[in-house]
Amino acid sequence: MLDGSDLYALDISGASFVKACGGPCTEGCVTLAWIGEDAWALGDSKQPDAQPLRFTTAELDAAGVDPVRFGLNV
């Protein structure tokens, strides 16, 4: 199982981030990318240069973030 330091050691330069919006995305949206086995990166489209936060699948689930809402079925 990955821990926080392992997650931030993963290269995400080629990660494909997708948006999930609860309404019109005029002000920006949360972005999510699958970055490896049991690993996710969560970003903010309003701040594309900010370093995305990284989570395990269990942490993402505990936060109530469902990858399916982003169209990700990994």
N, C-alpha and C. Protein backbone atom coordinates (compact mmCIF):
# COMPACT_ATOMS: atom_id res chain seq x y z
N MET A 1 0.84 -1.18 0.00
CA MET A 1 0.00 0.00 0.00
C MET A 1 0.89 1.24 0.00
N LEU A 2 0.49 2.23 -0.79
CA LEU A 2 1.24 3.47 -0.89
C LEU A 2 1.02 4.34 0.34
N ASP A 3 2.03 5.13 0.67
CA ASP A 3 1.85 6.14 1.70
C ASP A 3 2.09 7.51 1.05
N GLY A 4 1.97 8.57 1.83
CA GLY A 4 2.08 9.92 1.29
C GLY A 4 3.36 10.19 0.54
N SER A 5 4.49 9.73 1.06
CA SER A 5 5.76 9.99 0.37
C SER A 5 5.84 9.22 -0.94
N ASP A 6 5.28 8.01 -0.99
CA ASP A 6 5.27 7.24 -2.23
C ASP A 6 4.43 7.95 -3.29
N LEU A 7 3.30 8.49 -2.89
CA LEU A 7 2.41 9.17 -3.84
C LEU A 7 3.11 10.35 -4.50
N TYR A 8 3.84 11.12 -3.72
CA TYR A 8 4.50 12.31 -4.27
C TYR A 8 5.78 11.98 -5.02
N ALA A 9 6.22 10.74 -4.97
CA ALA A 9 7.37 10.31 -5.75
C ALA A 9 6.96 9.90 -7.17
N LEU A 10 5.66 9.68 -7.39
CA LEU A 10 5.17 9.28 -8.71
C LEU A 10 5.26 10.43 -9.70
N ASP A 11 5.69 10.12 -10.92
CA ASP A 11 5.76 11.11 -11.99
C ASP A 11 4.35 11.30 -12.56
N ILE A 12 3.84 12.52 -12.52
CA ILE A 12 2.50 12.78 -13.06
C ILE A 12 2.55 13.69 -14.28
N SER A 13 3.73 13.84 -14.85
CA SER A 13 3.86 14.75 -16.00
C SER A 13 2.97 14.34 -17.18
N GLY A 14 2.68 13.07 -17.32
CA GLY A 14 1.82 12.61 -18.41
C GLY A 14 0.40 12.30 -18.00
N ALA A 15 0.04 12.67 -16.76
CA ALA A 15 -1.30 12.36 -16.25
C ALA A 15 -2.36 13.13 -17.03
N SER A 16 -3.48 12.48 -17.24
CA SER A 16 -4.61 13.08 -17.94
C SER A 16 -5.69 13.45 -16.93
N PHE A 17 -5.82 14.74 -16.65
CA PHE A 17 -6.79 15.22 -15.68
C PHE A 17 -8.13 15.47 -16.35
N VAL A 18 -9.21 15.10 -15.67
CA VAL A 18 -10.57 15.35 -16.16
C VAL A 18 -11.33 16.13 -15.11
N LYS A 19 -12.34 16.88 -15.56
CA LYS A 19 -13.13 17.73 -14.66
C LYS A 19 -14.44 17.05 -14.28
N ALA A 20 -14.92 17.39 -13.11
CA ALA A 20 -16.27 17.02 -12.67
C ALA A 20 -16.91 18.27 -12.13
N CYS A 21 -18.05 18.59 -12.64
CA CYS A 21 -18.72 19.82 -12.23
C CYS A 21 -20.11 19.51 -11.70
N GLY A 22 -20.49 20.22 -10.67
CA GLY A 22 -21.83 20.09 -10.12
C GLY A 22 -22.82 21.01 -10.81
N GLY A 23 -22.33 21.89 -11.62
CA GLY A 23 -23.16 22.85 -12.34
C GLY A 23 -22.33 23.42 -13.48
N PRO A 24 -22.68 24.63 -13.92
CA PRO A 24 -21.90 25.22 -15.01
C PRO A 24 -20.46 25.48 -14.56
N CYS A 25 -19.53 25.10 -15.38
CA CYS A 25 -18.11 25.25 -15.04
C CYS A 25 -17.57 26.59 -15.53
N THR A 26 -18.13 27.65 -15.04
CA THR A 26 -17.67 28.97 -15.45
C THR A 26 -16.57 29.50 -14.56
N GLU A 27 -16.46 29.00 -13.35
CA GLU A 27 -15.46 29.49 -12.41
C GLU A 27 -14.36 28.48 -12.13
N GLY A 28 -14.37 27.37 -12.79
CA GLY A 28 -13.36 26.35 -12.56
C GLY A 28 -13.94 25.13 -11.91
N CYS A 29 -13.19 24.07 -11.94
CA CYS A 29 -13.67 22.79 -11.43
C CYS A 29 -12.53 22.01 -10.80
N VAL A 30 -12.92 21.04 -10.02
CA VAL A 30 -11.97 20.08 -9.48
C VAL A 30 -11.57 19.16 -10.63
N THR A 31 -10.29 18.81 -10.68
CA THR A 31 -9.80 17.88 -11.69
C THR A 31 -9.22 16.66 -10.99
N LEU A 32 -9.31 15.52 -11.66
CA LEU A 32 -8.83 14.27 -11.07
C LEU A 32 -8.11 13.46 -12.14
N ALA A 33 -7.03 12.82 -11.73
CA ALA A 33 -6.30 11.92 -12.64
C ALA A 33 -5.90 10.67 -11.89
N TRP A 34 -6.00 9.53 -12.56
CA TRP A 34 -5.48 8.28 -12.03
C TRP A 34 -4.01 8.29 -12.36
N ILE A 35 -3.15 8.15 -11.34
CA ILE A 35 -1.71 8.27 -11.57
C ILE A 35 -0.95 6.98 -11.28
N GLY A 36 -1.66 5.93 -11.01
CA GLY A 36 -1.02 4.64 -10.76
C GLY A 36 -1.91 3.76 -9.91
N GLU A 37 -1.47 2.55 -9.71
CA GLU A 37 -2.23 1.60 -8.90
C GLU A 37 -2.50 2.20 -7.53
N ASP A 38 -3.79 2.38 -7.20
CA ASP A 38 -4.20 2.92 -5.91
C ASP A 38 -3.70 4.35 -5.69
N ALA A 39 -3.60 5.15 -6.75
CA ALA A 39 -3.05 6.50 -6.62
C ALA A 39 -3.81 7.48 -7.52
N TRP A 40 -4.13 8.65 -6.94
CA TRP A 40 -4.90 9.67 -7.62
C TRP A 40 -4.30 11.05 -7.36
N ALA A 41 -4.48 11.95 -8.31
CA ALA A 41 -4.07 13.34 -8.14
C ALA A 41 -5.30 14.22 -8.31
N LEU A 42 -5.48 15.15 -7.39
CA LEU A 42 -6.65 16.04 -7.38
C LEU A 42 -6.16 17.47 -7.56
N GLY A 43 -6.65 18.12 -8.60
CA GLY A 43 -6.21 19.48 -8.89
C GLY A 43 -7.35 20.47 -8.95
N ASP A 44 -7.02 21.70 -9.32
CA ASP A 44 -7.98 22.80 -9.41
C ASP A 44 -7.77 23.49 -10.75
N SER A 45 -8.78 23.47 -11.61
CA SER A 45 -8.64 24.06 -12.94
C SER A 45 -8.43 25.57 -12.89
N LYS A 46 -8.80 26.21 -11.77
CA LYS A 46 -8.57 27.65 -11.63
C LYS A 46 -7.11 27.96 -11.33
N GLN A 47 -6.39 26.97 -10.85
CA GLN A 47 -4.97 27.14 -10.53
C GLN A 47 -4.17 26.02 -11.18
N PRO A 48 -4.07 26.05 -12.51
CA PRO A 48 -3.42 24.95 -13.23
C PRO A 48 -1.93 24.78 -12.92
N ASP A 49 -1.29 25.82 -12.40
CA ASP A 49 0.13 25.70 -12.07
C ASP A 49 0.37 25.19 -10.65
N ALA A 50 -0.69 25.08 -9.86
CA ALA A 50 -0.56 24.58 -8.48
C ALA A 50 -0.32 23.07 -8.50
N GLN A 51 0.51 22.59 -7.61
CA GLN A 51 0.79 21.15 -7.50
C GLN A 51 -0.47 20.42 -7.04
N PRO A 52 -0.96 19.44 -7.79
CA PRO A 52 -2.13 18.67 -7.36
C PRO A 52 -1.85 17.89 -6.08
N LEU A 53 -2.88 17.74 -5.28
CA LEU A 53 -2.79 16.90 -4.08
C LEU A 53 -2.92 15.45 -4.51
N ARG A 54 -2.32 14.56 -3.77
CA ARG A 54 -2.34 13.14 -4.14
C ARG A 54 -2.94 12.31 -3.03
N PHE A 55 -3.70 11.29 -3.45
CA PHE A 55 -4.45 10.46 -2.52
C PHE A 55 -4.41 9.00 -2.94
N THR A 56 -4.54 8.11 -1.96
CA THR A 56 -4.79 6.71 -2.28
C THR A 56 -6.28 6.58 -2.58
N THR A 57 -6.69 5.44 -3.10
CA THR A 57 -8.10 5.22 -3.38
C THR A 57 -8.92 5.27 -2.09
N ALA A 58 -8.40 4.70 -1.01
CA ALA A 58 -9.11 4.72 0.27
C ALA A 58 -9.27 6.16 0.79
N GLU A 59 -8.24 6.97 0.65
CA GLU A 59 -8.32 8.37 1.09
C GLU A 59 -9.32 9.16 0.25
N LEU A 60 -9.32 8.91 -1.05
CA LEU A 60 -10.26 9.59 -1.94
C LEU A 60 -11.69 9.20 -1.58
N ASP A 61 -11.90 7.92 -1.31
CA ASP A 61 -13.21 7.43 -0.91
C ASP A 61 -13.65 8.06 0.42
N ALA A 62 -12.73 8.14 1.38
CA ALA A 62 -13.05 8.72 2.69
C ALA A 62 -13.42 10.20 2.56
N ALA A 63 -12.86 10.86 1.55
CA ALA A 63 -13.17 12.28 1.32
C ALA A 63 -14.47 12.47 0.54
N GLY A 64 -15.06 11.36 0.09
CA GLY A 64 -16.31 11.43 -0.66
C GLY A 64 -16.14 11.77 -2.13
N VAL A 65 -14.95 11.56 -2.66
CA VAL A 65 -14.68 11.85 -4.07
C VAL A 65 -14.81 10.54 -4.84
N ASP A 66 -15.74 10.50 -5.78
CA ASP A 66 -16.01 9.29 -6.56
C ASP A 66 -15.45 9.47 -7.97
N PRO A 67 -14.42 8.70 -8.34
CA PRO A 67 -13.85 8.81 -9.68
C PRO A 67 -14.87 8.62 -10.81
N VAL A 68 -15.94 7.87 -10.56
CA VAL A 68 -16.97 7.66 -11.57
C VAL A 68 -17.61 8.98 -11.99
N ARG A 69 -17.73 9.91 -11.04
CA ARG A 69 -18.31 11.21 -11.34
C ARG A 69 -17.45 11.98 -12.35
N PHE A 70 -16.19 11.61 -12.44
CA PHE A 70 -15.27 12.23 -13.38
C PHE A 70 -15.18 11.44 -14.69
N GLY A 71 -15.93 10.36 -14.75
CA GLY A 71 -15.88 9.50 -15.93
C GLY A 71 -14.71 8.52 -15.88
N LEU A 72 -14.12 8.35 -14.71
CA LEU A 72 -13.00 7.44 -14.54
C LEU A 72 -13.48 6.15 -13.90
N ASN A 73 -13.27 5.04 -14.57
CA ASN A 73 -13.69 3.73 -14.06
C ASN A 73 -12.48 2.83 -13.89
N VAL A 74 -11.54 3.25 -13.10
CA VAL A 74 -10.31 2.48 -12.90
C VAL A 74 -10.46 1.60 -11.70
